[in-house]
Amino acid sequence: ANWHVNRDEPDRAVPLHEEALSRFRARDDRAGIAD
């Protein structure tokens, strides 16, 4: 997702970050959630 942001494609990055957030929340990984 960050690669997409760096390529000026933030709209493609958001869904990937949201999926990552969901996975980190499911694991209660506070560092992963914060990042």
PDB file of all heavy atoms in Angstrom:
ATOM      1  N   ALA A   1       0.827  -1.202   0.000  1.00  0.00           N
ATOM      2  CA  ALA A   1       0.000   0.000   0.000  1.00  0.00           C
ATOM      3  C   ALA A   1       0.863   1.255   0.000  1.00  0.00           C
ATOM      4  O   ALA A   1       0.586   2.214  -0.737  1.00  0.00           O
ATOM      5  CB  ALA A   1      -0.936  -0.007   1.203  1.00  0.00           C
ATOM      6  N   ASN A   2       1.900   1.263   0.811  1.00  0.00           N
ATOM      7  CA  ASN A   2       2.777   2.426   0.873  1.00  0.00           C
ATOM      8  C   ASN A   2       3.485   2.646  -0.467  1.00  0.00           C
ATOM      9  O   ASN A   2       3.732   3.782  -0.875  1.00  0.00           O
ATOM     10  CB  ASN A   2       3.781   2.286   2.012  1.00  0.00           C
ATOM     11  CG  ASN A   2       4.369   3.615   2.401  1.00  0.00           C
ATOM     12  OD1 ASN A   2       3.661   4.602   2.536  1.00  0.00           O
ATOM     13  ND2 ASN A   2       5.683   3.648   2.565  1.00  0.00           N
ATOM     14  N   TRP A   3       3.798   1.565  -1.157  1.00  0.00           N
ATOM     15  CA  TRP A   3       4.377   1.665  -2.493  1.00  0.00           C
ATOM     16  C   TRP A   3       3.412   2.424  -3.409  1.00  0.00           C
ATOM     17  O   TRP A   3       3.828   3.286  -4.176  1.00  0.00           O
ATOM     18  CB  TRP A   3       4.680   0.257  -3.014  1.00  0.00           C
ATOM     19  CG  TRP A   3       5.249   0.227  -4.396  1.00  0.00           C
ATOM     20  CD1 TRP A   3       6.537   0.487  -4.767  1.00  0.00           C
ATOM     21  CD2 TRP A   3       4.539  -0.092  -5.597  1.00  0.00           C
ATOM     22  NE1 TRP A   3       6.671   0.344  -6.124  1.00  0.00           N
ATOM     23  CE2 TRP A   3       5.462  -0.018  -6.666  1.00  0.00           C
ATOM     24  CE3 TRP A   3       3.224  -0.445  -5.870  1.00  0.00           C
ATOM     25  CZ2 TRP A   3       5.098  -0.267  -7.981  1.00  0.00           C
ATOM     26  CZ3 TRP A   3       2.876  -0.709  -7.175  1.00  0.00           C
ATOM     27  CH2 TRP A   3       3.801  -0.616  -8.209  1.00  0.00           C
ATOM     28  N   HIS A   4       2.111   2.105  -3.310  1.00  0.00           N
ATOM     29  CA  HIS A   4       1.111   2.818  -4.111  1.00  0.00           C
ATOM     30  C   HIS A   4       1.066   4.301  -3.739  1.00  0.00           C
ATOM     31  O   HIS A   4       0.956   5.159  -4.625  1.00  0.00           O
ATOM     32  CB  HIS A   4      -0.281   2.198  -3.943  1.00  0.00           C
ATOM     33  CG  HIS A   4      -0.462   0.938  -4.713  1.00  0.00           C
ATOM     34  ND1 HIS A   4      -0.454   0.885  -6.085  1.00  0.00           N
ATOM     35  CD2 HIS A   4      -0.658  -0.340  -4.295  1.00  0.00           C
ATOM     36  CE1 HIS A   4      -0.647  -0.353  -6.487  1.00  0.00           C
ATOM     37  NE2 HIS A   4      -0.765  -1.117  -5.413  1.00  0.00           N
ATOM     38  N   VAL A   5       1.162   4.604  -2.455  1.00  0.00           N
ATOM     39  CA  VAL A   5       1.192   6.014  -2.032  1.00  0.00           C
ATOM     40  C   VAL A   5       2.393   6.711  -2.666  1.00  0.00           C
ATOM     41  O   VAL A   5       2.261   7.815  -3.198  1.00  0.00           O
ATOM     42  CB  VAL A   5       1.224   6.139  -0.495  1.00  0.00           C
ATOM     43  CG1 VAL A   5       1.551   7.565  -0.067  1.00  0.00           C
ATOM     44  CG2 VAL A   5      -0.092   5.689   0.108  1.00  0.00           C
ATOM     45  N   ASN A   6       3.540   6.064  -2.625  1.00  0.00           N
ATOM     46  CA  ASN A   6       4.750   6.662  -3.194  1.00  0.00           C
ATOM     47  C   ASN A   6       4.662   6.819  -4.710  1.00  0.00           C
ATOM     48  O   ASN A   6       5.371   7.650  -5.291  1.00  0.00           O
ATOM     49  CB  ASN A   6       5.979   5.845  -2.822  1.00  0.00           C
ATOM     50  CG  ASN A   6       6.297   5.959  -1.354  1.00  0.00           C
ATOM     51  OD1 ASN A   6       5.976   6.950  -0.717  1.00  0.00           O
ATOM     52  ND2 ASN A   6       6.915   4.932  -0.797  1.00  0.00           N
ATOM     53  N   ARG A   7       3.806   6.051  -5.352  1.00  0.00           N
ATOM     54  CA  ARG A   7       3.583   6.173  -6.797  1.00  0.00           C
ATOM     55  C   ARG A   7       2.440   7.139  -7.112  1.00  0.00           C
ATOM     56  O   ARG A   7       1.955   7.188  -8.233  1.00  0.00           O
ATOM     57  CB  ARG A   7       3.289   4.807  -7.414  1.00  0.00           C
ATOM     58  CG  ARG A   7       4.490   3.876  -7.410  1.00  0.00           C
ATOM     59  CD  ARG A   7       4.194   2.540  -8.067  1.00  0.00           C
ATOM     60  NE  ARG A   7       3.435   2.623  -9.313  1.00  0.00           N
ATOM     61  CZ  ARG A   7       3.949   2.822 -10.526  1.00  0.00           C
ATOM     62  NH1 ARG A   7       5.247   2.988 -10.659  1.00  0.00           N
ATOM     63  NH2 ARG A   7       3.176   2.856 -11.587  1.00  0.00           N
ATOM     64  N   ASP A   8       2.010   7.892  -6.104  1.00  0.00           N
ATOM     65  CA  ASP A   8       0.918   8.859  -6.247  1.00  0.00           C
ATOM     66  C   ASP A   8      -0.397   8.160  -6.594  1.00  0.00           C
ATOM     67  O   ASP A   8      -1.169   8.629  -7.428  1.00  0.00           O
ATOM     68  CB  ASP A   8       1.267   9.931  -7.281  1.00  0.00           C
ATOM     69  CG  ASP A   8       0.384  11.157  -7.157  1.00  0.00           C
ATOM     70  OD1 ASP A   8      -0.121  11.410  -6.041  1.00  0.00           O
ATOM     71  OD2 ASP A   8       0.201  11.861  -8.164  1.00  0.00           O
ATOM     72  N   GLU A   9      -0.633   7.021  -5.927  1.00  0.00           N
ATOM     73  CA  GLU A   9      -1.862   6.248  -6.088  1.00  0.00           C
ATOM     74  C   GLU A   9      -2.485   5.951  -4.719  1.00  0.00           C
ATOM     75  O   GLU A   9      -2.744   4.805  -4.389  1.00  0.00           O
ATOM     76  CB  GLU A   9      -1.579   4.926  -6.804  1.00  0.00           C
ATOM     77  CG  GLU A   9      -0.944   5.059  -8.157  1.00  0.00           C
ATOM     78  CD  GLU A   9      -0.448   3.748  -8.726  1.00  0.00           C
ATOM     79  OE1 GLU A   9      -0.239   2.774  -7.972  1.00  0.00           O
ATOM     80  OE2 GLU A   9      -0.254   3.700  -9.947  1.00  0.00           O
ATOM     81  N   PRO A  10      -2.713   6.989  -3.905  1.00  0.00           N
ATOM     82  CA  PRO A  10      -3.204   6.736  -2.554  1.00  0.00           C
ATOM     83  C   PRO A  10      -4.576   6.072  -2.527  1.00  0.00           C
ATOM     84  O   PRO A  10      -4.887   5.333  -1.593  1.00  0.00           O
ATOM     85  CB  PRO A  10      -3.245   8.116  -1.909  1.00  0.00           C
ATOM     86  CG  PRO A  10      -3.322   9.066  -3.041  1.00  0.00           C
ATOM     87  CD  PRO A  10      -2.567   8.420  -4.169  1.00  0.00           C
ATOM     88  N   ASP A  11      -5.375   6.287  -3.559  1.00  0.00           N
ATOM     89  CA  ASP A  11      -6.695   5.662  -3.606  1.00  0.00           C
ATOM     90  C   ASP A  11      -6.589   4.138  -3.710  1.00  0.00           C
ATOM     91  O   ASP A  11      -7.473   3.420  -3.244  1.00  0.00           O
ATOM     92  CB  ASP A  11      -7.513   6.220  -4.770  1.00  0.00           C
ATOM     93  CG  ASP A  11      -6.797   6.125  -6.100  1.00  0.00           C
ATOM     94  OD1 ASP A  11      -5.582   6.414  -6.149  1.00  0.00           O
ATOM     95  OD2 ASP A  11      -7.443   5.767  -7.107  1.00  0.00           O
ATOM     96  N   ARG A  12      -5.506   3.636  -4.282  1.00  0.00           N
ATOM     97  CA  ARG A  12      -5.281   2.188  -4.348  1.00  0.00           C
ATOM     98  C   ARG A  12      -4.696   1.664  -3.036  1.00  0.00           C
ATOM     99  O   ARG A  12      -4.810   0.485  -2.731  1.00  0.00           O
ATOM    100  CB  ARG A  12      -4.354   1.857  -5.506  1.00  0.00           C
ATOM    101  CG  ARG A  12      -5.000   2.193  -6.858  1.00  0.00           C
ATOM    102  CD  ARG A  12      -4.177   1.750  -8.012  1.00  0.00           C
ATOM    103  NE  ARG A  12      -4.154   0.289  -8.055  1.00  0.00           N
ATOM    104  CZ  ARG A  12      -3.369  -0.392  -8.866  1.00  0.00           C
ATOM    105  NH1 ARG A  12      -2.554   0.228  -9.691  1.00  0.00           N
ATOM    106  NH2 ARG A  12      -3.390  -1.714  -8.851  1.00  0.00           N
ATOM    107  N   ALA A  13      -4.081   2.543  -2.268  1.00  0.00           N
ATOM    108  CA  ALA A  13      -3.443   2.147  -1.013  1.00  0.00           C
ATOM    109  C   ALA A  13      -4.438   1.964   0.121  1.00  0.00           C
ATOM    110  O   ALA A  13      -4.287   1.059   0.950  1.00  0.00           O
ATOM    111  CB  ALA A  13      -2.396   3.180  -0.609  1.00  0.00           C
ATOM    112  N   VAL A  14      -5.442   2.822   0.174  1.00  0.00           N
ATOM    113  CA  VAL A  14      -6.363   2.828   1.315  1.00  0.00           C
ATOM    114  C   VAL A  14      -6.995   1.451   1.571  1.00  0.00           C
ATOM    115  O   VAL A  14      -6.965   0.964   2.709  1.00  0.00           O
ATOM    116  CB  VAL A  14      -7.430   3.934   1.171  1.00  0.00           C
ATOM    117  CG1 VAL A  14      -8.525   3.792   2.211  1.00  0.00           C
ATOM    118  CG2 VAL A  14      -6.768   5.305   1.286  1.00  0.00           C
ATOM    119  N   PRO A  15      -7.544   0.761   0.562  1.00  0.00           N
ATOM    120  CA  PRO A  15      -8.140  -0.550   0.852  1.00  0.00           C
ATOM    121  C   PRO A  15      -7.134  -1.575   1.391  1.00  0.00           C
ATOM    122  O   PRO A  15      -7.475  -2.399   2.248  1.00  0.00           O
ATOM    123  CB  PRO A  15      -8.704  -1.016  -0.498  1.00  0.00           C
ATOM    124  CG  PRO A  15      -8.830   0.205  -1.321  1.00  0.00           C
ATOM    125  CD  PRO A  15      -7.767   1.152  -0.832  1.00  0.00           C
ATOM    126  N   LEU A  16      -5.903  -1.497   0.925  1.00  0.00           N
ATOM    127  CA  LEU A  16      -4.873  -2.417   1.429  1.00  0.00           C
ATOM    128  C   LEU A  16      -4.543  -2.115   2.886  1.00  0.00           C
ATOM    129  O   LEU A  16      -4.402  -3.035   3.708  1.00  0.00           O
ATOM    130  CB  LEU A  16      -3.620  -2.336   0.561  1.00  0.00           C
ATOM    131  CG  LEU A  16      -3.791  -2.783  -0.890  1.00  0.00           C
ATOM    132  CD1 LEU A  16      -2.548  -2.455  -1.691  1.00  0.00           C
ATOM    133  CD2 LEU A  16      -4.110  -4.265  -0.957  1.00  0.00           C
ATOM    134  N   HIS A  17      -4.407  -0.831   3.209  1.00  0.00           N
ATOM    135  CA  HIS A  17      -4.159  -0.455   4.603  1.00  0.00           C
ATOM    136  C   HIS A  17      -5.344  -0.852   5.489  1.00  0.00           C
ATOM    137  O   HIS A  17      -5.145  -1.314   6.616  1.00  0.00           O
ATOM    138  CB  HIS A  17      -3.915   1.052   4.725  1.00  0.00           C
ATOM    139  CG  HIS A  17      -2.580   1.507   4.248  1.00  0.00           C
ATOM    140  ND1 HIS A  17      -1.392   0.884   4.585  1.00  0.00           N
ATOM    141  CD2 HIS A  17      -2.237   2.570   3.466  1.00  0.00           C
ATOM    142  CE1 HIS A  17      -0.385   1.527   4.034  1.00  0.00           C
ATOM    143  NE2 HIS A  17      -0.871   2.557   3.346  1.00  0.00           N
ATOM    144  N   GLU A  18      -6.557  -0.691   4.982  1.00  0.00           N
ATOM    145  CA  GLU A  18      -7.738  -1.069   5.763  1.00  0.00           C
ATOM    146  C   GLU A  18      -7.760  -2.565   6.042  1.00  0.00           C
ATOM    147  O   GLU A  18      -8.118  -2.998   7.139  1.00  0.00           O
ATOM    148  CB  GLU A  18      -9.012  -0.632   5.052  1.00  0.00           C
ATOM    149  CG  GLU A  18      -9.221   0.866   5.091  1.00  0.00           C
ATOM    150  CD  GLU A  18     -10.382   1.338   4.242  1.00  0.00           C
ATOM    151  OE1 GLU A  18     -10.809   0.604   3.325  1.00  0.00           O
ATOM    152  OE2 GLU A  18     -10.861   2.461   4.500  1.00  0.00           O
ATOM    153  N   GLU A  19      -7.352  -3.362   5.057  1.00  0.00           N
ATOM    154  CA  GLU A  19      -7.276  -4.811   5.277  1.00  0.00           C
ATOM    155  C   GLU A  19      -6.212  -5.146   6.317  1.00  0.00           C
ATOM    156  O   GLU A  19      -6.427  -5.981   7.202  1.00  0.00           O
ATOM    157  CB  GLU A  19      -6.988  -5.542   3.973  1.00  0.00           C
ATOM    158  CG  GLU A  19      -6.990  -7.047   4.131  1.00  0.00           C
ATOM    159  CD  GLU A  19      -6.770  -7.813   2.849  1.00  0.00           C
ATOM    160  OE1 GLU A  19      -6.888  -7.219   1.753  1.00  0.00           O
ATOM    161  OE2 GLU A  19      -6.481  -9.009   2.941  1.00  0.00           O
ATOM    162  N   ALA A  20      -5.069  -4.486   6.220  1.00  0.00           N
ATOM    163  CA  ALA A  20      -4.011  -4.699   7.210  1.00  0.00           C
ATOM    164  C   ALA A  20      -4.505  -4.318   8.603  1.00  0.00           C
ATOM    165  O   ALA A  20      -4.266  -5.041   9.579  1.00  0.00           O
ATOM    166  CB  ALA A  20      -2.769  -3.888   6.844  1.00  0.00           C
ATOM    167  N   LEU A  21      -5.216  -3.189   8.700  1.00  0.00           N
ATOM    168  CA  LEU A  21      -5.738  -2.746   9.991  1.00  0.00           C
ATOM    169  C   LEU A  21      -6.687  -3.784  10.573  1.00  0.00           C
ATOM    170  O   LEU A  21      -6.610  -4.102  11.761  1.00  0.00           O
ATOM    171  CB  LEU A  21      -6.438  -1.398   9.844  1.00  0.00           C
ATOM    172  CG  LEU A  21      -7.008  -0.792  11.116  1.00  0.00           C
ATOM    173  CD1 LEU A  21      -5.906  -0.538  12.146  1.00  0.00           C
ATOM    174  CD2 LEU A  21      -7.753   0.497  10.792  1.00  0.00           C
ATOM    175  N   SER A  22      -7.542  -4.321   9.751  1.00  0.00           N
ATOM    176  CA  SER A  22      -8.480  -5.344  10.199  1.00  0.00           C
ATOM    177  C   SER A  22      -7.738  -6.558  10.751  1.00  0.00           C
ATOM    178  O   SER A  22      -8.107  -7.112  11.795  1.00  0.00           O
ATOM    179  CB  SER A  22      -9.385  -5.754   9.034  1.00  0.00           C
ATOM    180  OG  SER A  22     -10.229  -6.802   9.415  1.00  0.00           O
ATOM    181  N   ARG A  23      -6.702  -6.967  10.074  1.00  0.00           N
ATOM    182  CA  ARG A  23      -5.921  -8.136  10.528  1.00  0.00           C
ATOM    183  C   ARG A  23      -5.181  -7.847  11.835  1.00  0.00           C
ATOM    184  O   ARG A  23      -5.130  -8.696  12.723  1.00  0.00           O
ATOM    185  CB  ARG A  23      -4.960  -8.572   9.438  1.00  0.00           C
ATOM    186  CG  ARG A  23      -5.685  -9.143   8.246  1.00  0.00           C
ATOM    187  CD  ARG A  23      -4.735  -9.535   7.155  1.00  0.00           C
ATOM    188  NE  ARG A  23      -5.482  -9.974   5.992  1.00  0.00           N
ATOM    189  CZ  ARG A  23      -5.050 -10.920   5.190  1.00  0.00           C
ATOM    190  NH1 ARG A  23      -3.886 -11.519   5.399  1.00  0.00           N
ATOM    191  NH2 ARG A  23      -5.772 -11.262   4.139  1.00  0.00           N
ATOM    192  N   PHE A  24      -4.604  -6.643  11.949  1.00  0.00           N
ATOM    193  CA  PHE A  24      -3.917  -6.293  13.197  1.00  0.00           C
ATOM    194  C   PHE A  24      -4.903  -6.172  14.353  1.00  0.00           C
ATOM    195  O   PHE A  24      -4.594  -6.581  15.475  1.00  0.00           O
ATOM    196  CB  PHE A  24      -3.127  -4.990  13.043  1.00  0.00           C
ATOM    197  CG  PHE A  24      -1.837  -5.142  12.290  1.00  0.00           C
ATOM    198  CD1 PHE A  24      -1.571  -4.370  11.167  1.00  0.00           C
ATOM    199  CD2 PHE A  24      -0.871  -6.044  12.702  1.00  0.00           C
ATOM    200  CE1 PHE A  24      -0.381  -4.494  10.480  1.00  0.00           C
ATOM    201  CE2 PHE A  24       0.331  -6.192  12.022  1.00  0.00           C
ATOM    202  CZ  PHE A  24       0.574  -5.409  10.903  1.00  0.00           C
ATOM    203  N   ARG A  25      -6.079  -5.630  14.095  1.00  0.00           N
ATOM    204  CA  ARG A  25      -7.098  -5.532  15.147  1.00  0.00           C
ATOM    205  C   ARG A  25      -7.532  -6.929  15.608  1.00  0.00           C
ATOM    206  O   ARG A  25      -7.728  -7.146  16.798  1.00  0.00           O
ATOM    207  CB  ARG A  25      -8.299  -4.729  14.668  1.00  0.00           C
ATOM    208  CG  ARG A  25      -8.060  -3.235  14.575  1.00  0.00           C
ATOM    209  CD  ARG A  25      -9.381  -2.498  14.399  1.00  0.00           C
ATOM    210  NE  ARG A  25      -9.252  -1.130  13.964  1.00  0.00           N
ATOM    211  CZ  ARG A  25      -8.973  -0.103  14.747  1.00  0.00           C
ATOM    212  NH1 ARG A  25      -8.730  -0.294  16.025  1.00  0.00           N
ATOM    213  NH2 ARG A  25      -8.914   1.121  14.256  1.00  0.00           N
ATOM    214  N   ALA A  26      -7.685  -7.850  14.680  1.00  0.00           N
ATOM    215  CA  ALA A  26      -8.084  -9.219  15.023  1.00  0.00           C
ATOM    216  C   ALA A  26      -7.058  -9.890  15.928  1.00  0.00           C
ATOM    217  O   ALA A  26      -7.418 -10.738  16.753  1.00  0.00           O
ATOM    218  CB  ALA A  26      -8.299 -10.043  13.758  1.00  0.00           C
ATOM    219  N   ARG A  27      -5.810  -9.487  15.799  1.00  0.00           N
ATOM    220  CA  ARG A  27      -4.732 -10.057  16.617  1.00  0.00           C
ATOM    221  C   ARG A  27      -4.406  -9.197  17.843  1.00  0.00           C
ATOM    222  O   ARG A  27      -3.516  -9.521  18.607  1.00  0.00           O
ATOM    223  CB  ARG A  27      -3.483 -10.217  15.764  1.00  0.00           C
ATOM    224  CG  ARG A  27      -3.605 -11.309  14.730  1.00  0.00           C
ATOM    225  CD  ARG A  27      -2.400 -11.314  13.813  1.00  0.00           C
ATOM    226  NE  ARG A  27      -2.445 -12.383  12.847  1.00  0.00           N
ATOM    227  CZ  ARG A  27      -3.215 -12.419  11.767  1.00  0.00           C
ATOM    228  NH1 ARG A  27      -4.042 -11.417  11.529  1.00  0.00           N
ATOM    229  NH2 ARG A  27      -3.172 -13.431  10.928  1.00  0.00           N
ATOM    230  N   ASP A  28      -5.113  -8.081  17.978  1.00  0.00           N
ATOM    231  CA  ASP A  28      -4.861  -7.123  19.055  1.00  0.00           C
ATOM    232  C   ASP A  28      -3.384  -6.720  19.099  1.00  0.00           C
ATOM    233  O   ASP A  28      -2.785  -6.636  20.166  1.00  0.00           O
ATOM    234  CB  ASP A  28      -5.330  -7.682  20.402  1.00  0.00           C
ATOM    235  CG  ASP A  28      -5.442  -6.600  21.461  1.00  0.00           C
ATOM    236  OD1 ASP A  28      -5.736  -5.439  21.097  1.00  0.00           O
ATOM    237  OD2 ASP A  28      -5.233  -6.902  22.650  1.00  0.00           O
ATOM    238  N   ASP A  29      -2.827  -6.472  17.922  1.00  0.00           N
ATOM    239  CA  ASP A  29      -1.424  -6.079  17.769  1.00  0.00           C
ATOM    240  C   ASP A  29      -1.360  -4.549  17.785  1.00  0.00           C
ATOM    241  O   ASP A  29      -1.525  -3.888  16.761  1.00  0.00           O
ATOM    242  CB  ASP A  29      -0.880  -6.630  16.457  1.00  0.00           C
ATOM    243  CG  ASP A  29       0.575  -6.296  16.204  1.00  0.00           C
ATOM    244  OD1 ASP A  29       1.098  -5.314  16.775  1.00  0.00           O
ATOM    245  OD2 ASP A  29       1.201  -7.016  15.402  1.00  0.00           O
ATOM    246  N   ARG A  30      -1.136  -3.981  18.965  1.00  0.00           N
ATOM    247  CA  ARG A  30      -1.182  -2.524  19.136  1.00  0.00           C
ATOM    248  C   ARG A  30      -0.153  -1.801  18.269  1.00  0.00           C
ATOM    249  O   ARG A  30      -0.450  -0.759  17.697  1.00  0.00           O
ATOM    250  CB  ARG A  30      -0.996  -2.153  20.599  1.00  0.00           C
ATOM    251  CG  ARG A  30      -2.187  -2.552  21.454  1.00  0.00           C
ATOM    252  CD  ARG A  30      -1.938  -2.264  22.930  1.00  0.00           C
ATOM    253  NE  ARG A  30      -1.607  -0.889  23.192  1.00  0.00           N
ATOM    254  CZ  ARG A  30      -2.481   0.049  23.576  1.00  0.00           C
ATOM    255  NH1 ARG A  30      -3.733  -0.275  23.754  1.00  0.00           N
ATOM    256  NH2 ARG A  30      -2.090   1.283  23.809  1.00  0.00           N
ATOM    257  N   ALA A  31       1.050  -2.340  18.165  1.00  0.00           N
ATOM    258  CA  ALA A  31       2.074  -1.692  17.340  1.00  0.00           C
ATOM    259  C   ALA A  31       1.672  -1.721  15.871  1.00  0.00           C
ATOM    260  O   ALA A  31       1.812  -0.718  15.158  1.00  0.00           O
ATOM    261  CB  ALA A  31       3.420  -2.374  17.538  1.00  0.00           C
ATOM    262  N   GLY A  32       1.171  -2.850  15.415  1.00  0.00           N
ATOM    263  CA  GLY A  32       0.717  -2.964  14.033  1.00  0.00           C
ATOM    264  C   GLY A  32      -0.456  -2.048  13.747  1.00  0.00           C
ATOM    265  O   GLY A  32      -0.533  -1.432  12.679  1.00  0.00           O
ATOM    266  N   ILE A  33      -1.370  -1.957  14.700  1.00  0.00           N
ATOM    267  CA  ILE A  33      -2.529  -1.063  14.553  1.00  0.00           C
ATOM    268  C   ILE A  33      -2.060   0.386  14.450  1.00  0.00           C
ATOM    269  O   ILE A  33      -2.484   1.124  13.556  1.00  0.00           O
ATOM    270  CB  ILE A  33      -3.517  -1.234  15.723  1.00  0.00           C
ATOM    271  CG1 ILE A  33      -4.156  -2.621  15.687  1.00  0.00           C
ATOM    272  CG2 ILE A  33      -4.585  -0.151  15.696  1.00  0.00           C
ATOM    273  CD1 ILE A  33      -4.905  -2.990  16.961  1.00  0.00           C
ATOM    274  N   ALA A  34      -1.171   0.788  15.344  1.00  0.00           N
ATOM    275  CA  ALA A  34      -0.687   2.176  15.348  1.00  0.00           C
ATOM    276  C   ALA A  34       0.041   2.515  14.050  1.00  0.00           C
ATOM    277  O   ALA A  34      -0.202   3.572  13.455  1.00  0.00           O
ATOM    278  CB  ALA A  34       0.226   2.410  16.545  1.00  0.00           C
ATOM    279  N   ASP A  35       0.914   1.620  13.583  1.00  0.00           N
ATOM    280  CA  ASP A  35       1.629   1.863  12.328  1.00  0.00           C
ATOM    281  C   ASP A  35       0.655   1.979  11.157  1.00  0.00           C
ATOM    282  O   ASP A  35       0.784   2.861  10.310  1.00  0.00           O
ATOM    283  CB  ASP A  35       2.626   0.738  12.048  1.00  0.00           C
ATOM    284  CG  ASP A  35       3.851   0.802  12.922  1.00  0.00           C
ATOM    285  OD1 ASP A  35       4.118   1.863  13.520  1.00  0.00           O
ATOM    286  OD2 ASP A  35       4.554  -0.225  13.001  1.00  0.00           O
TER     287      ASP A  35
END
